[in-house]
Structure formats: C-alpha cells, structure tokens
Amino acid sequence: MTPRLPAILLMLTLATPALAGNVQAPATQPSHAPLLDAYRHLDPGSWIIMQATLRSGDTPTQIRRKVTILARDGVQRAVEEAKWSGDAFMPTGPARALAPADRRTFDELRLKPHAVEPDQVVTVGPKRYVCSVKTYRFEEAGRTTLLTLFRDASGGTKLPPRTISINNREIPLPADALQADFAVEGPKVSTRGQRRIAAVASPLRIKGQTCNCLVEATRVQGTSNDKPLEVVVEEWFCHDLPGERLRTVTAMTSGGTRVQSETTVLDFHIAHPAGSAPAASPAGVFAAPTSRD
C-alpha cells in the first residue's frame, strides 16, 4: 500500500524507481490539481484498518491507522485518514480528493512491448505453466526500466488484482502474470529485481474470517545514490480486498543501515454501489474461497 505507509517505508515498496509515465492519467483529472491515485477498487463507504510496525535498530515503532473512502460534493471519491489515539481513531487532517477510479486492466492500457521472447515454462508450486514472455521499456528523467512479464499462455490463470509501482504510480499487473523481472538504470541508480509467487492460497486470518491469499516475493539488488541496496518485500493479495495488500513484510539494507517493516490489515469493509452485487471470485486454484467463523 505504497501511498499509506510511513514515509521511510516508501523507498522500500518503490524499489523500482521512476518507471516512465507511459500510462496516461484519466482524462477527467485536472492537471492543475493532481488527485491522489489510490484505492482504485474501493467505493465510498469502504474502509480499512491496518497496523504498521517499523523496526530500525532495537526500537520498534507501531502505528494503527484507518482509511475511509468518502463521497464528496463535486468529487467522485475522497479518502479520510485517521490514527489510533487513546481509545479511538482521530482524523489526521481533512479528507483528500481521490482520482477517478481507473480500473483498467493491464491489457486495456495498450502498452507496446519492447521485445518478445519465445515461450518459457514457469513453475509455481507443483505446476508448470507455458508462459508468453514480453518486455516493456519505460523511460523517465534519464532512467530506463525494462519490465519483463511471464504470462500464462493458456489464459486460465486469474490472480487477484495487484499492482507494480511505475513512475510512482500503481500500474495493474495482468491477472495471468506468474512472474516479473525488472531492471533500472539511471543517474545514481542501477538495480535488478525479480517478483515471484511464493504461495497461491496462503490463509490469513482477518477479524473472524480466513482470506486465502496469493503471496508474492520481490527481491531487488543493486546500487542507489552510490550505496549498495538490497530490498526484499513479501505481499499478500486476495480477491476479497481487490487491489490492496492485506499484508506487507519488507526488509531493506542500504549501505550499513537495515530497516524492517510489517503492515497488516486488521479489518476491512467493502461497500458496493446501490443496485450492484458483490463480484464473485473467479474459479480456480488462484481463487480459493474465503471462509468465516
């Protein structure tokens, strides 16, 4: 949840810095007043309670927060952030306007591949998948990033909605992307990374329900600002909370400094527009049902 972590954690989850802005902002977003591009799958009335723990040295810092999606006059959506204080959540400031919910899929963005390679076999758990392999090139401010996606060629895989940070924006990954490689080159930065599936249906208990989550692990190595950099991030995704991370565990070593963090969703509510029904999770091994006590 990149936009919602404490500031020091931003560099942990934005481990692929400044991919180019190939994806245009929605046409309704005014250029003179940039809106927060976040919580794309959440409608007004939805909320999330999360707890973040930051460890730097021997002293952990713990923060409990709540984000609520609101409807505001003249603005489609807004987000109110609150921090636990004493025995209640207290707003940290006025609600911030959100950009119109851009729920386009990766394919709907119509990005043009920079290179196409022969199909390769990707192993996830006990299964082997024949995958198409395409590389996308992004350029911004002197930086060049190559993103290679390995997608199930059968089209039968339907992973939960999740994103990757590109040019400080969350870009949707294809539902059938089984792994990703990336490389960033630019002034004072040179990194390589891999994003792999660690588990396809890992149970995670959240307020009386068990969410069966896709778990992905990302490892980044290289240099940043002339210092050696290593980042390891594990992320939990589920159809029940689309587009959001239910848990994020991060460890970063930069130079001689090591920082660890963990952010976990404690509770959430998904509101649906009047007259609409909750979307059913796709069938298949990557969409195990959620159970409630």
Protein backbone atom coordinates (compact mmCIF):
# COMPACT_ATOMS: atom_id res chain seq x y z
CA MET A 1 0.00 0.00 0.00
CA THR A 2 2.61 2.43 -1.05
CA PRO A 3 0.76 5.71 -0.54
CA ARG A 4 -0.28 4.76 3.02
CA LEU A 5 2.97 3.58 4.63
CA PRO A 6 5.14 5.83 6.81
CA ALA A 7 7.49 7.98 4.75
CA ILE A 8 10.58 5.91 5.46
CA LEU A 9 8.84 2.86 4.00
CA LEU A 10 8.08 4.49 0.67
CA MET A 11 11.53 3.68 -0.69
CA LEU A 12 11.06 0.07 0.39
CA THR A 13 7.96 -0.54 -1.67
CA LEU A 14 9.01 1.75 -4.54
CA ALA A 15 12.02 -0.44 -5.18
CA THR A 16 11.72 0.03 -8.94
CA PRO A 17 12.14 3.81 -9.03
CA ALA A 18 10.57 6.10 -11.59
CA LEU A 19 9.37 3.88 -14.36
CA ALA A 20 8.25 6.09 -17.22
CA GLY A 21 4.79 7.58 -17.33
CA ASN A 22 3.58 5.59 -20.33
CA VAL A 23 0.15 5.28 -18.78
CA GLN A 24 -1.91 8.43 -19.05
CA ALA A 25 -3.98 9.74 -16.15
CA PRO A 26 -7.75 9.65 -16.58
CA ALA A 27 -8.93 12.48 -18.81
CA THR A 28 -11.18 13.85 -16.07
CA GLN A 29 -8.28 14.51 -13.71
CA PRO A 30 -7.50 18.26 -13.70
CA SER A 31 -3.85 18.98 -14.44
CA HIS A 32 -3.75 21.99 -12.11
CA ALA A 33 -4.80 19.98 -9.04
CA PRO A 34 -3.36 16.46 -9.05
CA LEU A 35 -5.55 13.98 -7.22
CA LEU A 36 -4.34 11.06 -5.14
CA ASP A 37 -4.19 7.94 -7.32
CA ALA A 38 -5.03 5.20 -4.83
CA TYR A 39 -7.71 2.77 -3.63
CA ARG A 40 -8.89 2.25 -7.20
CA HIS A 41 -11.20 -0.69 -6.41
CA LEU A 42 -12.83 0.85 -3.33
CA ASP A 43 -16.15 2.71 -3.49
CA PRO A 44 -17.46 5.27 -0.95
CA GLY A 45 -18.35 3.59 2.33
CA SER A 46 -15.40 1.20 2.21
CA TRP A 47 -12.78 1.29 4.94
CA ILE A 48 -9.58 -0.47 6.01
CA ILE A 49 -7.93 -0.68 9.44
CA MET A 50 -4.23 -1.53 9.36
CA GLN A 51 -1.29 -1.71 11.69
CA ALA A 52 2.29 -0.90 10.68
CA THR A 53 5.40 -1.85 12.65
CA LEU A 54 8.76 -0.30 11.76
CA ARG A 55 12.00 -1.69 13.17
CA SER A 56 15.23 0.26 12.86
CA GLY A 57 17.76 -0.88 15.41
CA ASP A 58 16.29 -2.29 18.60
CA THR A 59 13.33 0.08 18.93
CA PRO A 60 10.11 -0.85 17.08
CA THR A 61 7.55 1.81 16.21
CA GLN A 62 3.91 0.78 15.85
CA ILE A 63 1.14 2.77 14.17
CA ARG A 64 -2.54 1.82 13.82
CA ARG A 65 -4.48 3.65 11.13
CA LYS A 66 -7.85 3.66 9.40
CA VAL A 67 -8.64 4.85 5.90
CA THR A 68 -12.24 5.53 4.88
CA ILE A 69 -13.42 6.18 1.33
CA LEU A 70 -15.97 9.02 1.21
CA ALA A 71 -18.18 10.71 -1.37
CA ARG A 72 -17.78 14.48 -1.59
CA ASP A 73 -19.70 17.19 -3.47
CA GLY A 74 -18.01 17.80 -6.78
CA VAL A 75 -15.55 14.93 -6.25
CA GLN A 76 -16.32 11.31 -7.01
CA ARG A 77 -14.31 9.93 -4.10
CA ALA A 78 -12.15 11.14 -1.22
CA VAL A 79 -10.13 9.41 1.49
CA GLU A 80 -10.10 10.26 5.19
CA GLU A 81 -7.13 9.00 7.18
CA ALA A 82 -7.26 8.53 10.95
CA LYS A 83 -4.73 7.43 13.55
CA TRP A 84 -5.47 5.49 16.72
CA SER A 85 -5.14 7.75 19.73
CA GLY A 86 -6.14 6.68 23.22
CA ASP A 87 -9.32 4.71 22.63
CA ALA A 88 -10.49 5.98 19.22
CA PHE A 89 -9.39 6.83 15.70
CA MET A 90 -8.77 10.55 15.25
CA PRO A 91 -8.58 12.16 11.78
CA THR A 92 -5.06 13.27 10.87
CA GLY A 93 -6.36 16.04 8.63
CA PRO A 94 -9.07 16.88 6.09
CA ALA A 95 -10.17 14.28 3.58
CA ARG A 96 -8.05 14.17 0.41
CA ALA A 97 -9.60 14.01 -3.03
CA LEU A 98 -9.02 10.78 -4.95
CA ALA A 99 -8.58 10.47 -8.68
CA PRO A 100 -11.43 8.82 -10.58
CA ALA A 101 -11.15 5.07 -10.09
CA ASP A 102 -9.02 3.89 -13.02
CA ARG A 103 -9.88 0.20 -13.07
CA ARG A 104 -8.46 -0.60 -16.48
CA THR A 105 -6.63 -3.90 -16.80
CA PHE A 106 -3.04 -4.10 -17.95
CA ASP A 107 -4.16 -5.03 -21.47
CA GLU A 108 -6.55 -2.09 -21.60
CA LEU A 109 -3.58 0.25 -21.09
CA ARG A 110 -2.38 -0.84 -24.56
CA LEU A 111 1.32 -0.70 -23.75
CA LYS A 112 3.54 -1.71 -26.66
CA PRO A 113 6.11 -4.47 -25.96
CA HIS A 114 9.76 -3.51 -26.42
CA ALA A 115 10.74 -7.14 -27.05
CA VAL A 116 9.01 -10.51 -27.42
CA GLU A 117 10.82 -13.73 -26.49
CA PRO A 118 9.94 -17.39 -27.11
CA ASP A 119 7.53 -19.02 -24.66
CA GLN A 120 9.10 -20.29 -21.44
CA VAL A 121 8.00 -22.73 -18.75
CA VAL A 122 7.36 -21.24 -15.29
CA THR A 123 6.96 -23.48 -12.24
CA VAL A 124 4.59 -22.40 -9.47
CA GLY A 125 4.41 -24.91 -6.65
CA PRO A 126 3.81 -28.36 -8.18
CA LYS A 127 2.52 -26.96 -11.51
CA ARG A 128 4.30 -25.96 -14.68
CA TYR A 129 2.90 -23.30 -17.00
CA VAL A 130 3.85 -22.38 -20.54
CA CYS A 131 4.17 -18.59 -20.49
CA SER A 132 4.46 -15.86 -23.07
CA VAL A 133 7.39 -13.53 -22.37
CA LYS A 134 7.25 -9.83 -23.24
CA THR A 135 9.44 -6.94 -22.14
CA TYR A 136 8.22 -3.34 -21.78
CA ARG A 137 10.55 -0.33 -21.80
CA PHE A 138 9.92 2.80 -19.76
CA GLU A 139 11.98 5.98 -19.76
CA GLU A 140 11.76 8.96 -17.44
CA ALA A 141 14.20 11.64 -16.25
CA GLY A 142 17.24 9.82 -17.62
CA ARG A 143 16.21 6.46 -16.19
CA THR A 144 15.45 3.41 -18.25
CA THR A 145 13.46 0.49 -16.85
CA LEU A 146 12.84 -2.84 -18.50
CA LEU A 147 9.89 -4.84 -17.17
CA THR A 148 9.53 -8.45 -18.35
CA LEU A 149 6.23 -10.25 -17.73
CA PHE A 150 5.75 -14.02 -17.85
CA ARG A 151 2.05 -14.67 -18.57
CA ASP A 152 0.15 -17.95 -18.58
CA ALA A 153 -0.29 -18.65 -22.29
CA SER A 154 -3.48 -20.64 -21.67
CA GLY A 155 -5.26 -17.57 -20.26
CA GLY A 156 -6.76 -19.69 -17.50
CA THR A 157 -5.00 -18.05 -14.55
CA LYS A 158 -6.97 -15.36 -12.68
CA LEU A 159 -4.84 -13.90 -9.91
CA PRO A 160 -6.25 -11.25 -7.55
CA PRO A 161 -5.94 -7.61 -8.68
CA ARG A 162 -2.48 -6.29 -7.76
CA THR A 163 -0.11 -3.62 -8.95
CA ILE A 164 3.50 -2.66 -9.53
CA SER A 165 4.88 0.83 -8.96
CA ILE A 166 5.75 2.59 -12.23
CA ASN A 167 6.76 6.25 -12.21
CA ASN A 168 5.47 6.49 -8.62
CA ARG A 169 2.07 5.23 -9.76
CA GLU A 170 0.41 1.89 -9.20
CA ILE A 171 0.05 0.05 -12.52
CA PRO A 172 -2.14 -3.08 -12.72
CA LEU A 173 -0.41 -6.36 -13.33
CA PRO A 174 -2.09 -8.84 -15.68
CA ALA A 175 -4.27 -11.38 -13.88
CA ASP A 176 -2.31 -14.15 -15.61
CA ALA A 177 1.22 -12.80 -14.89
CA LEU A 178 3.03 -15.55 -12.99
CA GLN A 179 6.33 -13.72 -12.54
CA ALA A 180 8.13 -10.50 -13.43
CA ASP A 181 11.73 -9.37 -13.87
CA PHE A 182 12.83 -5.76 -13.97
CA ALA A 183 15.97 -3.66 -14.32
CA VAL A 184 16.50 0.05 -13.69
CA GLU A 185 19.43 2.10 -14.99
CA GLY A 186 19.94 5.82 -14.50
CA PRO A 187 21.87 8.54 -12.69
CA LYS A 188 22.98 7.12 -9.34
CA VAL A 189 20.75 4.04 -9.64
CA SER A 190 21.35 0.56 -11.03
CA THR A 191 19.09 -2.22 -9.79
CA ARG A 192 17.83 -5.65 -10.81
CA GLY A 193 14.77 -7.35 -9.38
CA GLN A 194 12.55 -10.40 -9.55
CA ARG A 195 8.94 -10.85 -8.46
CA ARG A 196 7.92 -14.46 -7.79
CA ILE A 197 4.87 -16.30 -6.43
CA ALA A 198 5.64 -17.79 -3.01
CA ALA A 199 2.17 -19.25 -2.35
CA VAL A 200 -1.10 -19.38 -4.26
CA ALA A 201 -3.58 -19.86 -1.40
CA SER A 202 -1.97 -18.91 1.90
CA PRO A 203 -4.59 -18.49 4.66
CA LEU A 204 -4.55 -15.16 6.50
CA ARG A 205 -6.88 -14.53 9.45
CA ILE A 206 -8.51 -11.11 9.48
CA LYS A 207 -11.19 -10.28 12.06
CA GLY A 208 -13.00 -13.62 12.15
CA GLN A 209 -12.50 -14.59 8.52
CA THR A 210 -9.85 -16.53 6.66
CA CYS A 211 -8.67 -14.97 3.42
CA ASN A 212 -6.83 -17.30 1.08
CA CYS A 213 -4.10 -15.09 -0.33
CA LEU A 214 -1.69 -15.01 -3.20
CA VAL A 215 1.76 -14.30 -1.73
CA GLU A 216 4.42 -12.70 -3.92
CA ALA A 217 8.05 -12.08 -3.01
CA THR A 218 10.11 -9.33 -4.65
CA ARG A 219 13.89 -9.09 -4.32
CA VAL A 220 15.86 -6.05 -5.53
CA GLN A 221 19.65 -5.71 -5.57
CA GLY A 222 21.98 -3.04 -6.90
CA THR A 223 23.11 0.46 -6.02
CA SER A 224 21.26 3.67 -5.23
CA ASN A 225 22.95 7.03 -4.55
CA ASP A 226 26.32 5.24 -4.80
CA LYS A 227 25.39 2.88 -1.94
CA PRO A 228 24.70 -0.86 -2.16
CA LEU A 229 20.99 -1.59 -1.90
CA GLU A 230 19.05 -4.76 -1.15
CA VAL A 231 15.29 -4.88 -0.68
CA VAL A 232 13.10 -7.92 0.00
CA VAL A 233 9.31 -7.48 0.02
CA GLU A 234 6.58 -10.07 0.60
CA GLU A 235 2.99 -9.08 -0.27
CA TRP A 236 -0.36 -10.79 0.33
CA PHE A 237 -3.23 -10.21 -2.14
CA CYS A 238 -6.80 -11.53 -2.15
CA HIS A 239 -9.95 -11.18 -4.25
CA ASP A 240 -11.83 -10.15 -1.07
CA LEU A 241 -9.92 -6.83 -0.88
CA PRO A 242 -9.15 -6.14 -4.55
CA GLY A 243 -6.12 -4.07 -5.41
CA GLU A 244 -4.93 -3.73 -1.80
CA ARG A 245 -2.24 -5.58 0.12
CA LEU A 246 -3.54 -7.47 3.13
CA ARG A 247 -0.03 -7.83 4.50
CA THR A 248 3.38 -6.44 3.52
CA VAL A 249 6.69 -7.51 5.07
CA THR A 250 9.74 -5.50 4.00
CA ALA A 251 13.44 -5.60 4.78
CA MET A 252 15.87 -3.05 3.30
CA THR A 253 19.62 -2.73 3.64
CA SER A 254 21.21 0.43 2.25
CA GLY A 255 24.87 0.97 2.99
CA GLY A 256 25.21 -0.05 6.61
CA THR A 257 21.60 0.69 7.57
CA ARG A 258 18.95 -2.01 7.86
CA VAL A 259 15.24 -1.26 8.24
CA GLN A 260 12.41 -3.79 8.61
CA SER A 261 8.68 -3.16 8.47
CA GLU A 262 5.41 -5.03 8.52
CA THR A 263 1.95 -3.71 7.64
CA THR A 264 -1.10 -5.89 8.23
CA VAL A 265 -4.80 -5.29 7.62
CA LEU A 266 -6.71 -5.85 10.87
CA ASP A 267 -10.22 -5.36 9.48
CA PHE A 268 -11.94 -4.05 6.36
CA HIS A 269 -15.33 -3.40 4.80
CA ILE A 270 -16.08 -3.27 1.08
CA ALA A 271 -19.07 -1.12 0.12
CA HIS A 272 -20.88 -1.68 -3.17
CA PRO A 273 -22.79 0.94 -5.17
CA ALA A 274 -26.56 0.82 -4.79
CA GLY A 275 -28.09 -1.76 -7.07
CA SER A 276 -24.87 -3.67 -7.65
CA ALA A 277 -23.96 -7.09 -6.30
CA PRO A 278 -20.55 -8.10 -4.96
CA ALA A 279 -18.39 -9.58 -7.70
CA ALA A 280 -17.80 -13.29 -7.39
CA SER A 281 -14.22 -14.52 -7.17
CA PRO A 282 -13.10 -16.35 -10.31
CA ALA A 283 -13.00 -20.11 -10.02
CA GLY A 284 -9.66 -21.87 -9.98
CA VAL A 285 -6.63 -22.68 -7.87
CA PHE A 286 -5.73 -18.98 -7.50
CA ALA A 287 -9.16 -18.02 -6.19
CA ALA A 288 -9.70 -20.23 -3.18
CA PRO A 289 -12.86 -19.19 -1.28
CA THR A 290 -12.84 -17.12 1.85
CA SER A 291 -14.29 -18.68 4.99
CA ARG A 292 -15.87 -17.05 8.01
CA ASP A 293 -16.34 -18.34 11.53
